Amino acid sequence: MSFRPVLLLALLLVAPVYAVEFDQRERATIASHGPWPPPPVLDDSNRVSGNKAAIRFGEMLFFDHALGGDSRMSCASCHDPGRAFTDGRTTGFGRTRLARNTTSLLNLAGNRWFGWGGENDSLWAQSIRPILALEEMASTPLLVKKIVLGRDRYREYYRDAFSVAAADEDSEILLVNVGKALAAYQETLVSPRSPFDDFRDALLAGDEAAMAQYPRSAQRGLKLFIGEGRCSVCHLGPRFSNGEFENVGIPFQVPGGVDPGRYQGIQKLLANPYNRLGPFNDGNAQDNAVATRSLRPDDRNRGRFRVPGLRDLVETAPYMHDGSLGTLDDVVRHYSELDDELAGAGADRFLRPLRLDDRQVEDLTAFLRSLSAY
């Protein structure tokens, strides 16, 4: 063997095997998607946010079928821990089939709005909603109080968390506190670290050996995600979501009409007695309800739905507010092949067909998969 091939082989053995270069701007964007896990975020509208007794109480309530009006459903009936706290269905199913896909409960702490249309402005209000909804758990404040009073452990945890005996509480106050305990538990539900997180940290540290463990296709997909794909315009930050609402070109027709999305969500939120503007907010509404106070229904919000976080995507199929896209490949091809007329009409102005080739579809899908712990 000549000297030149030997030298070439040696260079190949020591050269980094990662395939994608990221410039300074791209590195900054990648850095902004971490660190993970994030530091805990407490909800100042919920005085038991982070309270250990409330978390224990909320966890027990979450799996208790008795909380439902006829003991058929618990919170976990639709939010299965084995499915990243979703149900795997196209749309949810309680006493009747629901019009929207069941969202994951992972990584909710610190969010401003909850529900596909942002119908609630706190996690505790969002937790109350299915308890009372006739099409879901169909319970009542009186029944919830009866359940809490009927269990020694519930009475104990209630007193530990709220410093008052459950028997002395008004039934509506007790219902709200059950919602706050459920929220305290759900705030602890955080996605595990993913291959992307390891790559991000290695990139920032300049650890080329660790960077090389991240698949080349995922690296190319990441570059596309933060670059010409413009995905990070909405899917930003450690949770990969801006927490707001967009029209991404998914039809919102439902039996009997259309799903107004954020437009109706604002109406429901402002009419909700459990919103942050009401008497059950434990914090300073002048500070923590500013965003709610500024809301007004606007026709521009029709057809807009909450931008979901992208962590643990592999476990949360199907996708979109109506569950209409069954796989991550379907999601990527939706944005790739978006109809030009739809993009120019109802969808938000930044949305344009990506026109990806097959390799780019594979790369972007590989990156999205890397946001799950596999």
Protein backbone atom coordinates (compact mmCIF):
# COMPACT_ATOMS: atom_id res chain seq x y z
CA MET A 1 0.00 0.00 0.00
CA SER A 2 1.37 3.45 -0.90
CA PHE A 3 1.87 6.25 1.60
CA ARG A 4 -0.99 8.35 0.17
CA PRO A 5 -3.83 5.82 0.70
CA VAL A 6 -2.51 5.11 4.20
CA LEU A 7 -2.56 8.83 5.00
CA LEU A 8 -6.06 9.16 3.58
CA LEU A 9 -7.27 6.23 5.71
CA ALA A 10 -5.72 7.79 8.81
CA LEU A 11 -7.43 11.09 8.11
CA LEU A 12 -10.77 9.36 7.73
CA LEU A 13 -10.31 7.57 11.05
CA VAL A 14 -9.61 10.77 12.99
CA ALA A 15 -11.93 13.12 11.11
CA PRO A 16 -15.26 13.94 12.77
CA VAL A 17 -18.09 11.86 11.35
CA TYR A 18 -20.83 14.41 11.88
CA ALA A 19 -21.88 15.75 8.52
CA VAL A 20 -23.42 19.18 9.08
CA GLU A 21 -21.82 22.52 9.86
CA PHE A 22 -23.81 25.07 11.85
CA ASP A 23 -22.95 28.75 11.71
CA GLN A 24 -23.03 31.09 14.69
CA ARG A 25 -26.67 32.08 14.18
CA GLU A 26 -27.76 28.47 13.83
CA ARG A 27 -25.83 27.48 16.96
CA ALA A 28 -27.61 30.23 18.89
CA THR A 29 -30.98 28.98 17.69
CA ILE A 30 -30.11 25.40 18.62
CA ALA A 31 -28.98 26.60 22.06
CA SER A 32 -32.34 28.34 22.56
CA HIS A 33 -34.09 24.95 22.43
CA GLY A 34 -32.64 24.03 25.82
CA PRO A 35 -31.51 23.30 28.40
CA TRP A 36 -33.58 20.23 29.19
CA PRO A 37 -35.13 19.47 31.56
CA PRO A 38 -36.05 23.07 32.33
CA PRO A 39 -36.02 24.54 35.84
CA PRO A 40 -39.35 24.12 37.68
CA VAL A 41 -41.94 26.81 37.02
CA LEU A 42 -44.56 27.54 39.67
CA ASP A 43 -48.00 28.98 38.94
CA ASP A 44 -48.63 32.01 41.12
CA SER A 45 -52.38 31.70 40.55
CA ASN A 46 -52.27 28.33 42.36
CA ARG A 47 -51.05 28.50 45.95
CA VAL A 48 -50.32 24.75 46.06
CA SER A 49 -48.20 24.71 42.91
CA GLY A 50 -45.11 22.72 43.91
CA ASN A 51 -46.67 21.60 47.22
CA LYS A 52 -45.73 17.96 47.92
CA ALA A 53 -49.00 17.11 49.66
CA ALA A 54 -50.98 18.64 46.80
CA ILE A 55 -48.91 16.70 44.26
CA ARG A 56 -49.62 13.41 46.08
CA PHE A 57 -53.29 14.29 46.34
CA GLY A 58 -53.47 15.27 42.68
CA GLU A 59 -51.79 12.07 41.54
CA MET A 60 -54.29 9.94 43.44
CA LEU A 61 -57.19 11.93 42.03
CA PHE A 62 -55.80 11.66 38.51
CA PHE A 63 -56.21 7.87 38.48
CA ASP A 64 -59.47 7.68 40.47
CA HIS A 65 -62.50 6.63 38.40
CA ALA A 66 -64.80 7.72 41.20
CA LEU A 67 -64.11 11.32 40.23
CA GLY A 68 -66.32 10.73 37.18
CA GLY A 69 -70.05 11.11 37.62
CA ASP A 70 -70.75 7.41 37.04
CA SER A 71 -67.27 6.08 37.95
CA ARG A 72 -66.57 5.18 34.31
CA MET A 73 -63.75 7.66 33.67
CA SER A 74 -60.69 9.03 35.37
CA CYS A 75 -58.31 11.64 34.03
CA ALA A 76 -56.02 8.77 33.05
CA SER A 77 -58.75 7.22 30.88
CA CYS A 78 -57.90 9.80 28.21
CA HIS A 79 -54.39 10.69 29.33
CA ASP A 80 -52.61 7.34 29.50
CA PRO A 81 -49.09 7.52 31.00
CA GLY A 82 -48.07 4.69 28.66
CA ARG A 83 -48.91 6.89 25.65
CA ALA A 84 -47.19 10.07 26.86
CA PHE A 85 -50.47 11.03 28.54
CA THR A 86 -52.55 10.87 25.35
CA ASP A 87 -55.07 8.23 24.22
CA GLY A 88 -53.83 7.27 20.74
CA ARG A 89 -57.21 8.10 19.17
CA THR A 90 -57.90 10.42 16.27
CA THR A 91 -60.19 12.46 18.50
CA GLY A 92 -61.03 12.08 22.16
CA PHE A 93 -63.83 9.88 23.43
CA GLY A 94 -65.84 10.37 26.60
CA ARG A 95 -69.56 9.73 26.73
CA THR A 96 -69.58 10.94 23.14
CA ARG A 97 -66.85 11.27 20.55
CA LEU A 98 -65.17 14.65 20.82
CA ALA A 99 -64.14 16.88 17.93
CA ARG A 100 -60.51 17.32 18.92
CA ASN A 101 -57.43 15.22 19.40
CA THR A 102 -56.39 14.50 23.00
CA THR A 103 -53.25 16.47 23.78
CA SER A 104 -50.36 15.24 25.89
CA LEU A 105 -50.04 16.48 29.47
CA LEU A 106 -46.25 16.53 29.35
CA ASN A 107 -44.41 19.83 29.78
CA LEU A 108 -47.43 21.96 30.67
CA ALA A 109 -45.85 23.90 33.54
CA GLY A 110 -45.37 27.55 32.62
CA ASN A 111 -47.84 27.58 29.72
CA ARG A 112 -50.08 30.61 29.35
CA TRP A 113 -53.03 28.97 27.57
CA PHE A 114 -54.51 25.47 27.70
CA GLY A 115 -56.64 23.52 25.23
CA TRP A 116 -56.51 23.62 21.44
CA GLY A 117 -58.45 26.88 21.45
CA GLY A 118 -56.95 28.28 24.66
CA GLU A 119 -60.21 27.87 26.52
CA ASN A 120 -58.44 28.16 29.88
CA ASP A 121 -55.70 30.41 31.22
CA SER A 122 -54.43 28.12 33.99
CA LEU A 123 -53.73 24.44 34.35
CA TRP A 124 -56.05 24.19 37.34
CA ALA A 125 -58.97 25.64 35.38
CA GLN A 126 -58.18 23.28 32.53
CA SER A 127 -58.28 20.40 35.05
CA ILE A 128 -61.74 21.41 36.28
CA ARG A 129 -63.20 21.49 32.77
CA PRO A 130 -63.40 17.71 32.03
CA ILE A 131 -64.65 16.98 35.55
CA LEU A 132 -67.76 19.05 34.91
CA ALA A 133 -68.16 18.48 31.15
CA LEU A 134 -71.28 16.42 30.44
CA GLU A 135 -69.61 14.69 27.49
CA GLU A 136 -66.63 13.66 29.62
CA MET A 137 -66.62 12.96 33.38
CA ALA A 138 -70.02 14.61 34.06
CA SER A 139 -69.41 15.20 37.76
CA THR A 140 -70.59 18.01 40.06
CA PRO A 141 -69.03 20.00 42.91
CA LEU A 142 -71.21 18.12 45.42
CA LEU A 143 -70.12 14.73 44.11
CA VAL A 144 -66.46 15.74 44.13
CA LYS A 145 -66.77 16.83 47.76
CA LYS A 146 -68.45 13.54 48.66
CA ILE A 147 -65.54 11.61 47.10
CA VAL A 148 -62.93 13.62 48.99
CA LEU A 149 -64.78 13.25 52.29
CA GLY A 150 -65.21 9.52 51.76
CA ARG A 151 -61.48 8.69 51.73
CA ASP A 152 -59.21 9.01 54.77
CA ARG A 153 -56.11 9.66 52.63
CA TYR A 154 -57.89 12.33 50.60
CA ARG A 155 -58.99 14.16 53.76
CA GLU A 156 -55.44 13.96 55.10
CA TYR A 157 -53.78 15.27 51.93
CA TYR A 158 -56.42 17.95 51.51
CA ARG A 159 -55.72 19.32 54.98
CA ASP A 160 -51.95 19.08 54.45
CA ALA A 161 -52.17 20.94 51.15
CA PHE A 162 -54.82 23.57 51.92
CA SER A 163 -54.58 23.88 55.74
CA VAL A 164 -58.30 23.39 56.19
CA ALA A 165 -60.57 20.39 56.68
CA ALA A 166 -62.37 19.33 53.51
CA ALA A 167 -65.61 19.01 55.51
CA ASP A 168 -65.48 22.73 56.27
CA GLU A 169 -65.17 23.77 52.63
CA ASP A 170 -67.87 25.06 50.32
CA SER A 171 -68.32 22.48 47.55
CA GLU A 172 -67.28 24.90 44.79
CA ILE A 173 -64.14 25.94 46.67
CA LEU A 174 -63.32 22.28 47.19
CA LEU A 175 -63.81 21.59 43.46
CA VAL A 176 -61.41 24.41 42.59
CA ASN A 177 -58.87 23.05 45.06
CA VAL A 178 -59.18 19.59 43.52
CA GLY A 179 -58.36 21.25 40.18
CA LYS A 180 -55.35 22.94 41.77
CA ALA A 181 -54.10 19.65 43.24
CA LEU A 182 -54.50 17.98 39.85
CA ALA A 183 -52.55 20.84 38.31
CA ALA A 184 -49.79 20.51 40.91
CA TYR A 185 -49.38 16.87 39.90
CA GLN A 186 -49.46 17.57 36.17
CA GLU A 187 -46.77 20.23 36.55
CA THR A 188 -44.39 17.42 37.49
CA LEU A 189 -44.92 15.59 34.17
CA VAL A 190 -41.83 16.35 32.10
CA SER A 191 -40.50 14.60 29.01
CA PRO A 192 -37.21 12.73 29.45
CA ARG A 193 -34.08 13.93 27.72
CA SER A 194 -33.79 13.09 24.05
CA PRO A 195 -30.97 12.49 21.54
CA PHE A 196 -31.44 16.09 20.41
CA ASP A 197 -30.66 17.34 23.93
CA ASP A 198 -27.45 15.35 24.02
CA PHE A 199 -26.44 16.78 20.64
CA ARG A 200 -27.32 20.34 21.66
CA ASP A 201 -25.23 20.12 24.81
CA ALA A 202 -22.34 18.50 22.94
CA LEU A 203 -22.47 21.17 20.24
CA LEU A 204 -22.27 23.95 22.82
CA ALA A 205 -19.42 22.17 24.62
CA GLY A 206 -17.53 21.42 21.41
CA ASP A 207 -17.58 17.70 22.19
CA GLU A 208 -17.15 16.24 18.71
CA ALA A 209 -17.20 12.63 19.88
CA ALA A 210 -20.58 13.11 21.52
CA MET A 211 -21.88 15.08 18.54
CA ALA A 212 -20.99 12.18 16.27
CA GLN A 213 -23.51 9.98 18.09
CA TYR A 214 -26.37 12.05 16.65
CA PRO A 215 -27.51 10.64 13.28
CA ARG A 216 -26.49 12.60 10.20
CA SER A 217 -30.05 12.62 8.90
CA ALA A 218 -31.26 14.20 12.16
CA GLN A 219 -28.51 16.84 11.89
CA ARG A 220 -29.59 17.69 8.36
CA GLY A 221 -33.20 17.78 9.53
CA LEU A 222 -32.29 20.10 12.39
CA LYS A 223 -30.59 22.49 9.97
CA LEU A 224 -33.73 22.45 7.82
CA PHE A 225 -35.97 22.90 10.88
CA ILE A 226 -34.21 26.07 12.04
CA GLY A 227 -33.43 27.30 8.54
CA GLU A 228 -35.33 27.24 5.28
CA GLY A 229 -38.16 25.16 6.79
CA ARG A 230 -38.98 28.06 9.16
CA CYS A 231 -40.37 25.52 11.66
CA SER A 232 -38.75 27.28 14.62
CA VAL A 233 -40.79 30.43 13.93
CA CYS A 234 -43.58 28.77 15.91
CA HIS A 235 -41.83 25.79 17.48
CA LEU A 236 -39.29 27.69 19.52
CA GLY A 237 -37.68 27.43 22.94
CA PRO A 238 -37.00 24.35 25.08
CA ARG A 239 -40.59 23.10 24.68
CA PHE A 240 -40.55 23.69 20.91
CA SER A 241 -43.66 25.88 21.04
CA ASN A 242 -44.44 29.57 21.25
CA GLY A 243 -47.57 28.63 23.21
CA GLU A 244 -49.78 30.69 20.90
CA PHE A 245 -52.20 29.95 18.06
CA GLU A 246 -51.73 29.58 14.33
CA ASN A 247 -53.64 28.49 11.25
CA VAL A 248 -51.43 25.87 9.58
CA GLY A 249 -53.74 24.89 6.76
CA ILE A 250 -55.57 22.01 8.45
CA PRO A 251 -59.30 22.05 7.57
CA PHE A 252 -61.45 22.77 10.60
CA GLN A 253 -64.78 21.42 9.42
CA VAL A 254 -66.64 19.29 11.99
CA PRO A 255 -70.04 17.57 11.80
CA GLY A 256 -72.64 20.31 11.60
CA GLY A 257 -70.27 23.18 10.89
CA VAL A 258 -66.75 24.34 11.62
CA ASP A 259 -64.48 24.38 14.65
CA PRO A 260 -63.80 28.11 15.28
CA GLY A 261 -60.61 27.33 17.20
CA ARG A 262 -59.08 30.26 19.07
CA TYR A 263 -62.03 32.54 18.28
CA GLN A 264 -64.39 30.37 20.33
CA GLY A 265 -61.64 29.62 22.83
CA ILE A 266 -61.43 33.29 23.77
CA GLN A 267 -65.21 33.47 24.18
CA LYS A 268 -65.22 30.44 26.47
CA LEU A 269 -62.26 31.69 28.46
CA LEU A 270 -63.78 35.09 29.15
CA ALA A 271 -67.09 33.48 30.19
CA ASN A 272 -65.42 30.94 32.47
CA PRO A 273 -65.93 31.67 36.21
CA TYR A 274 -62.63 29.89 36.92
CA ASN A 275 -60.43 32.15 34.80
CA ARG A 276 -57.66 34.28 36.32
CA LEU A 277 -59.95 37.31 36.38
CA GLY A 278 -62.29 35.56 38.82
CA PRO A 279 -62.23 35.10 42.61
CA PHE A 280 -60.29 31.81 42.60
CA ASN A 281 -56.96 33.24 41.45
CA ASP A 282 -54.58 32.88 44.41
CA GLY A 283 -52.11 35.44 43.09
CA ASN A 284 -52.26 39.06 42.02
CA ALA A 285 -54.61 39.25 39.04
CA GLN A 286 -53.21 42.68 38.18
CA ASP A 287 -49.97 40.90 37.36
CA ASN A 288 -50.82 37.35 36.29
CA ALA A 289 -54.06 38.02 34.39
CA VAL A 290 -52.82 40.81 32.13
CA ALA A 291 -52.90 38.59 29.04
CA THR A 292 -56.42 37.37 29.82
CA ARG A 293 -57.70 40.88 30.44
CA SER A 294 -56.50 42.00 27.02
CA LEU A 295 -58.31 39.27 25.07
CA ARG A 296 -61.14 40.07 22.65
CA PRO A 297 -62.80 37.73 20.12
CA ASP A 298 -61.47 38.55 16.66
CA ASP A 299 -62.42 36.98 13.34
CA ARG A 300 -58.72 36.60 12.56
CA ASN A 301 -58.61 33.92 15.25
CA ARG A 302 -61.02 31.62 13.45
CA GLY A 303 -59.30 28.41 12.44
CA ARG A 304 -56.27 29.03 14.64
CA PHE A 305 -55.24 26.35 17.10
CA ARG A 306 -52.56 26.14 19.78
CA VAL A 307 -49.04 25.38 18.62
CA PRO A 308 -48.18 22.08 20.36
CA GLY A 309 -44.79 21.30 21.80
CA LEU A 310 -42.82 18.76 19.79
CA ARG A 311 -41.18 16.72 22.53
CA ASP A 312 -42.05 13.02 22.74
CA LEU A 313 -43.75 13.21 19.32
CA VAL A 314 -43.16 9.53 18.59
CA GLU A 315 -45.52 8.63 21.44
CA THR A 316 -48.30 11.12 20.72
CA ALA A 317 -49.67 10.19 17.27
CA PRO A 318 -51.98 11.02 15.59
CA TYR A 319 -51.28 14.70 15.09
CA MET A 320 -52.98 18.10 14.64
CA HIS A 321 -56.06 19.42 16.43
CA ASP A 322 -58.32 16.95 14.63
CA GLY A 323 -55.92 13.99 14.65
CA SER A 324 -56.02 13.96 10.86
CA LEU A 325 -52.32 13.21 10.29
CA GLY A 326 -51.36 9.74 11.42
CA THR A 327 -47.56 9.78 11.19
CA LEU A 328 -44.68 12.23 11.42
CA ASP A 329 -44.06 11.63 7.73
CA ASP A 330 -47.63 12.79 7.08
CA VAL A 331 -47.00 15.94 9.12
CA VAL A 332 -43.83 16.82 7.20
CA ARG A 333 -45.49 16.15 3.85
CA HIS A 334 -48.43 18.36 4.86
CA TYR A 335 -46.08 21.33 5.17
CA SER A 336 -44.15 20.28 2.09
CA GLU A 337 -47.16 19.93 -0.17
CA LEU A 338 -49.44 22.62 1.26
CA ASP A 339 -51.83 23.93 -1.37
CA ASP A 340 -50.73 27.38 -2.61
CA GLU A 341 -54.27 28.76 -2.53
CA LEU A 342 -54.77 27.56 1.03
CA ALA A 343 -51.45 29.04 2.06
CA GLY A 344 -52.47 32.39 0.64
CA ALA A 345 -56.01 32.37 2.01
CA GLY A 346 -56.74 31.02 5.47
CA ALA A 347 -53.32 29.99 6.71
CA ASP A 348 -50.96 32.38 8.44
CA ARG A 349 -48.84 34.54 6.17
CA PHE A 350 -45.49 32.96 7.03
CA LEU A 351 -46.72 29.52 5.93
CA ARG A 352 -45.54 28.51 2.48
CA PRO A 353 -45.21 25.09 0.83
CA LEU A 354 -41.72 23.77 1.57
CA ARG A 355 -41.54 21.62 -1.56
CA LEU A 356 -39.15 19.14 0.03
CA ASP A 357 -37.56 16.29 -1.87
CA ASP A 358 -37.76 12.76 -0.47
CA ARG A 359 -34.42 12.99 1.30
CA GLN A 360 -35.39 16.25 3.00
CA VAL A 361 -38.66 14.69 4.15
CA GLU A 362 -36.68 11.80 5.64
CA ASP A 363 -34.21 14.17 7.29
CA LEU A 364 -36.84 16.41 8.85
CA THR A 365 -38.76 13.37 10.08
CA ALA A 366 -35.54 11.96 11.56
CA PHE A 367 -35.00 15.20 13.47
CA LEU A 368 -38.57 15.19 14.83
CA ARG A 369 -38.08 11.61 15.98
CA SER A 370 -34.93 12.65 17.80
CA LEU A 371 -37.04 14.80 20.11
CA SER A 372 -38.30 11.59 21.75
CA ALA A 373 -36.33 9.43 24.17
CA TYR A 374 -35.72 6.32 22.08
